[in-house]
Structure formats: C-alpha cells, structure tokens
Amino acid sequence: MHMKRYTMPGFWPIGRKVNKFVVTPRPGPHSKQSSIPLMIFLRDVLGYADTSREVKRIIAKGEVMVDKRVIREAGHPLGLMDVIEFPLIKKHFRVMPHPKGLEIVEIDGSESSKKLCSIKRKTVIKGGKYQITLHDGRNIIVGKDNKYKPGDSVLIEIPTQKILNHWQIKEGLPATVVKGKNIGLAGKIKSVHQSKRLQEKSRVVLETKGGDIETLRDYILVGEVK
C-alpha cells in the first residue's frame, strides 16, 4: 500500500522528509519508477484535494478517467503518454517526458482520444496473425500485416485501439527522448547508426533546438500526436 519516501522517484512533486511513507503505485501498465500514483497527481500536482480521503471520494464518484476508462484506484500508476481526464470540468492532461523524469501537462480536448505508443514486442498468434505489445502493456492484433516492428511507434485511438498512424525510426521524422540523460529533449532524427556487433547498441542523432544530441535507439519515441 505504501513505500518509504526516500525510495520514490525524484520527479514526484512531494518532499522526501515531510512524512515517512507515501502511497505506492499499484501493479499495472507502468513500473513504480516510471510512473506517478493518481493520488499524488490529484492532491499534490493539481491541488484538487487536500487529503487522501478527499482524493478517494473524488475517485469513488467516477470523476477521473485514464485513457478513456474510469479509474477508481487511488494508487493507479500514471505513465508515459497516458491521458487523464476530468469530464465534469472538461480538463485533459497527458504524461510527458521531462529532464527530471516525467511531467503532466494540460492538453486540448481534441488530443484526448489519441495516444502515442512505442512497440515493445511482436508475436505470432493463432492463424498466422501478428500481435504487437505496446509500452503501456496493451496488446493489439494487426492481422497478417508484418510491417510493424519493435522500436516503431503507433498513434492509436483510445479506447478503441484503432491504429491511426505508424512510424519507423528513420531520418527526418520527429522524435522525443524518453530515457537516459537527454530525456525530455525533442527534435528530428538526423541519422541512425545501426550496430554492427552484438556488444554495441544502435544509436540515433537528434537535431534539437539546442544542437545535435546522440542517444540510444531504444531511448527515443518516434512520431507525434496530430
């Protein structure tokens, strides 16, 4: 139910020494170190409640949605690209990468039905069809279309999971760094360097406003929400 504050991720907007314990993200689509509990977002980020009891009342009334699904668990983990909505007051937010880890930014309502996801795995299922697994744990069956590869990104419609767009990591495409020391930086892919040995990892050079940066291919999310 709770964990000690000194073990929480650095991007959580609460003091480490105020209290000994803090609510822990429940098992779900994102790990503890790459998510923020819904409780902390409502109470400490937005200030919609002063206490955990007030947060639980708001959630119990079904007034909070994540990826178009009503959430009734205060410890629900909010992770990369998740969409949080408050239908009654017509407010929409998205979890974005930030130099400190993650941040939650307000978005326009027209964007709330779209989510950018990276493809983590692809498997063959019954009937020779392909199933892709996205970074938030959701699975989508894409039939016998073999164009989707791990590392690619898809823009999906939520909650239907209809694929609206698909990007491979190629030169000239928009991308955002979601891991590593350059997390939060965005730009266009300038070049892709494929590894030639097993010990090496493929790298990507991004052209950003502050200059070119190089990062691991696995550390970027290609594409954009449009």
Protein backbone atom coordinates (compact mmCIF):
# COMPACT_ATOMS: atom_id res chain seq x y z
CA MET A 1 0.00 0.00 0.00
CA HIS A 2 2.82 2.41 0.88
CA MET A 3 6.56 2.80 0.43
CA LYS A 4 9.20 4.89 2.16
CA ARG A 5 9.63 8.34 0.65
CA TYR A 6 13.38 8.05 0.15
CA THR A 7 12.76 5.28 -2.42
CA MET A 8 10.29 7.26 -4.55
CA PRO A 9 11.27 8.65 -8.00
CA GLY A 10 12.83 12.11 -7.97
CA PHE A 11 10.18 13.64 -10.23
CA TRP A 12 7.37 13.16 -7.72
CA PRO A 13 6.44 16.70 -6.54
CA ILE A 14 6.48 15.99 -2.81
CA GLY A 15 9.08 16.33 -0.08
CA ARG A 16 11.05 13.29 0.99
CA LYS A 17 11.26 14.30 4.64
CA VAL A 18 7.71 15.56 5.25
CA ASN A 19 6.43 12.11 6.19
CA LYS A 20 7.99 8.67 6.32
CA PHE A 21 5.64 6.89 3.91
CA VAL A 22 3.87 7.66 0.64
CA VAL A 23 1.32 5.78 -1.46
CA THR A 24 2.93 3.35 -3.88
CA PRO A 25 1.80 2.87 -7.50
CA ARG A 26 -0.23 -0.32 -7.84
CA PRO A 27 0.84 -3.05 -10.27
CA GLY A 28 -0.37 -2.03 -13.71
CA PRO A 29 0.74 -0.75 -17.11
CA HIS A 30 3.81 1.11 -15.75
CA SER A 31 6.56 0.31 -13.27
CA LYS A 32 6.93 2.09 -9.91
CA GLN A 33 10.00 4.03 -11.04
CA SER A 34 8.40 5.23 -14.29
CA SER A 35 5.00 6.34 -13.01
CA ILE A 36 3.23 8.59 -10.52
CA PRO A 37 0.20 7.48 -8.46
CA LEU A 38 -3.14 9.09 -9.30
CA MET A 39 -3.39 10.09 -5.63
CA ILE A 40 -0.30 12.34 -5.82
CA PHE A 41 -1.37 13.86 -9.14
CA LEU A 42 -4.77 14.92 -7.79
CA ARG A 43 -3.60 16.10 -4.37
CA ASP A 44 -0.06 17.44 -4.88
CA VAL A 45 0.10 18.41 -8.57
CA LEU A 46 -3.38 19.78 -9.29
CA GLY A 47 -4.42 20.62 -5.76
CA TYR A 48 -7.92 19.27 -6.36
CA ALA A 49 -7.92 17.83 -2.83
CA ASP A 50 -6.14 18.49 0.46
CA THR A 51 -6.12 14.97 1.88
CA SER A 52 -6.00 11.40 0.66
CA ARG A 53 -9.56 10.92 1.94
CA GLU A 54 -10.82 13.70 -0.34
CA VAL A 55 -8.97 12.16 -3.29
CA LYS A 56 -10.63 8.80 -2.66
CA ARG A 57 -14.06 10.47 -2.62
CA ILE A 58 -13.42 12.10 -6.00
CA ILE A 59 -12.24 8.81 -7.48
CA ALA A 60 -15.11 6.83 -5.96
CA LYS A 61 -17.60 9.08 -7.77
CA GLY A 62 -16.11 8.08 -11.13
CA GLU A 63 -14.92 11.61 -11.91
CA VAL A 64 -11.47 10.60 -13.17
CA MET A 65 -10.66 8.79 -16.42
CA VAL A 66 -7.32 7.45 -17.66
CA ASP A 67 -7.13 6.56 -21.34
CA LYS A 68 -10.94 6.91 -21.55
CA ARG A 69 -11.51 4.42 -18.74
CA VAL A 70 -12.96 5.34 -15.34
CA ILE A 71 -10.38 4.69 -12.60
CA ARG A 72 -11.40 4.04 -9.01
CA GLU A 73 -8.00 3.18 -7.54
CA ALA A 74 -6.01 5.98 -5.86
CA GLY A 75 -2.75 4.15 -6.47
CA HIS A 76 -3.30 3.70 -10.21
CA PRO A 77 0.07 4.36 -11.95
CA LEU A 78 0.18 7.21 -14.47
CA GLY A 79 2.96 6.70 -17.01
CA LEU A 80 4.37 7.90 -20.31
CA MET A 81 1.73 9.28 -22.71
CA ASP A 82 -1.24 8.37 -20.51
CA VAL A 83 -4.24 10.68 -20.90
CA ILE A 84 -6.02 11.81 -17.72
CA GLU A 85 -9.44 13.43 -17.97
CA PHE A 86 -11.98 15.10 -15.70
CA PRO A 87 -15.21 15.02 -17.75
CA LEU A 88 -17.23 17.22 -15.37
CA ILE A 89 -14.86 20.18 -15.64
CA LYS A 90 -13.61 19.32 -19.15
CA LYS A 91 -9.92 19.20 -18.23
CA HIS A 92 -7.42 16.97 -20.04
CA PHE A 93 -3.80 16.11 -19.26
CA ARG A 94 -1.02 13.97 -20.73
CA VAL A 95 2.06 12.44 -19.09
CA MET A 96 5.17 13.62 -20.96
CA PRO A 97 8.93 13.00 -20.63
CA HIS A 98 10.81 15.70 -18.70
CA PRO A 99 14.50 16.24 -17.81
CA LYS A 100 13.67 15.17 -14.24
CA GLY A 101 11.69 12.12 -15.38
CA LEU A 102 8.04 12.79 -16.15
CA GLU A 103 5.65 15.72 -16.05
CA ILE A 104 1.91 16.03 -16.56
CA VAL A 105 0.83 18.79 -18.95
CA GLU A 106 -2.59 20.08 -19.85
CA ILE A 107 -3.73 19.35 -23.41
CA ASP A 108 -6.62 20.32 -25.66
CA GLY A 109 -9.68 18.12 -25.61
CA SER A 110 -9.18 17.25 -29.29
CA GLU A 111 -6.00 15.37 -28.35
CA SER A 112 -7.54 13.36 -25.55
CA SER A 113 -8.65 10.50 -27.80
CA LYS A 114 -5.14 9.92 -29.21
CA LYS A 115 -2.13 8.22 -27.64
CA LEU A 116 1.38 7.72 -28.99
CA CYS A 117 2.88 4.36 -28.05
CA SER A 118 6.10 2.55 -28.80
CA ILE A 119 6.06 -1.10 -29.87
CA LYS A 120 7.97 -3.33 -27.45
CA ARG A 121 7.27 -6.80 -28.82
CA LYS A 122 5.67 -8.57 -31.75
CA THR A 123 4.46 -12.16 -31.58
CA VAL A 124 2.76 -14.60 -33.91
CA ILE A 125 -0.56 -15.92 -32.66
CA LYS A 126 -3.10 -18.45 -33.89
CA GLY A 127 -3.90 -18.26 -37.58
CA GLY A 128 -0.56 -16.71 -38.51
CA LYS A 129 -1.66 -13.30 -37.26
CA TYR A 130 0.61 -10.79 -35.57
CA GLN A 131 0.09 -9.20 -32.17
CA ILE A 132 2.03 -6.14 -31.04
CA THR A 133 2.62 -5.22 -27.40
CA LEU A 134 2.92 -1.52 -26.61
CA HIS A 135 4.90 0.24 -23.88
CA ASP A 136 1.83 0.57 -21.66
CA GLY A 137 1.14 -3.17 -21.75
CA ARG A 138 -1.78 -3.14 -24.18
CA ASN A 139 -1.89 -5.71 -26.98
CA ILE A 140 -3.24 -5.08 -30.48
CA ILE A 141 -3.83 -7.75 -33.13
CA VAL A 142 -2.77 -6.38 -36.52
CA GLY A 143 -3.76 -9.36 -38.63
CA LYS A 144 -1.16 -10.64 -41.08
CA ASP A 145 0.38 -7.22 -41.63
CA ASN A 146 4.11 -7.66 -40.92
CA LYS A 147 5.13 -4.01 -41.26
CA TYR A 148 5.12 -3.31 -37.52
CA LYS A 149 8.48 -3.81 -35.76
CA PRO A 150 9.73 -3.43 -32.16
CA GLY A 151 11.03 0.13 -31.77
CA ASP A 152 8.40 1.56 -34.13
CA SER A 153 5.63 3.79 -32.82
CA VAL A 154 1.90 3.86 -33.43
CA LEU A 155 -0.66 6.57 -32.82
CA ILE A 156 -3.78 4.87 -31.53
CA GLU A 157 -7.33 5.99 -30.89
CA ILE A 158 -8.47 5.38 -27.33
CA PRO A 159 -10.33 3.44 -26.15
CA THR A 160 -10.91 1.59 -29.47
CA GLN A 161 -7.14 0.94 -30.02
CA LYS A 162 -7.58 1.67 -33.71
CA ILE A 163 -4.19 2.46 -35.26
CA LEU A 164 -4.26 5.96 -36.79
CA ASN A 165 -0.61 6.26 -37.83
CA HIS A 166 2.63 4.31 -37.81
CA TRP A 167 6.27 5.46 -37.76
CA GLN A 168 9.57 3.65 -38.13
CA ILE A 169 12.81 5.18 -36.86
CA LYS A 170 14.02 7.00 -39.96
CA GLU A 171 15.82 10.21 -40.82
CA GLY A 172 13.70 13.36 -40.87
CA LEU A 173 10.97 12.11 -38.53
CA PRO A 174 10.05 13.82 -35.22
CA ALA A 175 11.16 12.03 -32.07
CA THR A 176 11.42 12.55 -28.31
CA VAL A 177 13.95 11.12 -25.88
CA VAL A 178 12.12 9.19 -23.17
CA LYS A 179 15.07 7.67 -21.29
CA GLY A 180 18.66 8.48 -20.40
CA LYS A 181 20.45 11.74 -19.63
CA ASN A 182 18.73 13.58 -22.52
CA ILE A 183 15.19 12.65 -21.50
CA GLY A 184 12.60 15.25 -22.48
CA LEU A 185 14.50 16.64 -25.47
CA ALA A 186 12.68 16.56 -28.80
CA GLY A 187 13.66 17.16 -32.40
CA LYS A 188 14.07 15.47 -35.77
CA ILE A 189 16.09 12.36 -36.46
CA LYS A 190 19.26 13.42 -38.25
CA SER A 191 20.86 9.99 -38.64
CA VAL A 192 20.50 6.40 -37.48
CA HIS A 193 23.57 4.27 -36.77
CA GLN A 194 22.83 0.55 -36.74
CA SER A 195 25.04 -1.60 -34.52
CA LYS A 196 27.38 -3.99 -36.35
CA ARG A 197 28.41 -6.07 -33.33
CA LEU A 198 26.39 -7.79 -30.62
CA GLN A 199 28.13 -5.77 -27.90
CA GLU A 200 27.06 -2.48 -29.48
CA LYS A 201 23.65 -0.82 -29.44
CA SER A 202 22.14 1.15 -32.29
CA ARG A 203 22.30 4.92 -31.81
CA VAL A 204 20.37 7.89 -33.14
CA VAL A 205 21.40 11.52 -33.66
CA LEU A 206 18.62 14.03 -33.00
CA GLU A 207 18.62 17.59 -34.30
CA THR A 208 17.17 19.70 -31.46
CA LYS A 209 16.82 23.44 -30.81
CA GLY A 210 19.89 23.33 -28.58
CA GLY A 211 22.02 21.39 -31.06
CA ASP A 212 22.58 17.79 -32.09
CA ILE A 213 22.49 15.05 -29.47
CA GLU A 214 23.26 11.34 -29.69
CA THR A 215 21.31 8.73 -27.75
CA LEU A 216 20.46 5.06 -27.88
CA ARG A 217 17.86 3.99 -30.42
CA ASP A 218 15.90 2.32 -27.62
CA TYR A 219 15.69 5.64 -25.76
CA ILE A 220 13.53 7.52 -28.29
CA LEU A 221 9.85 7.63 -29.11
CA VAL A 222 9.33 8.45 -32.78
CA GLY A 223 6.20 10.20 -34.08
CA GLU A 224 3.85 12.85 -32.75
CA VAL A 225 0.24 13.32 -31.65
CA LYS A 226 -1.63 15.02 -34.51
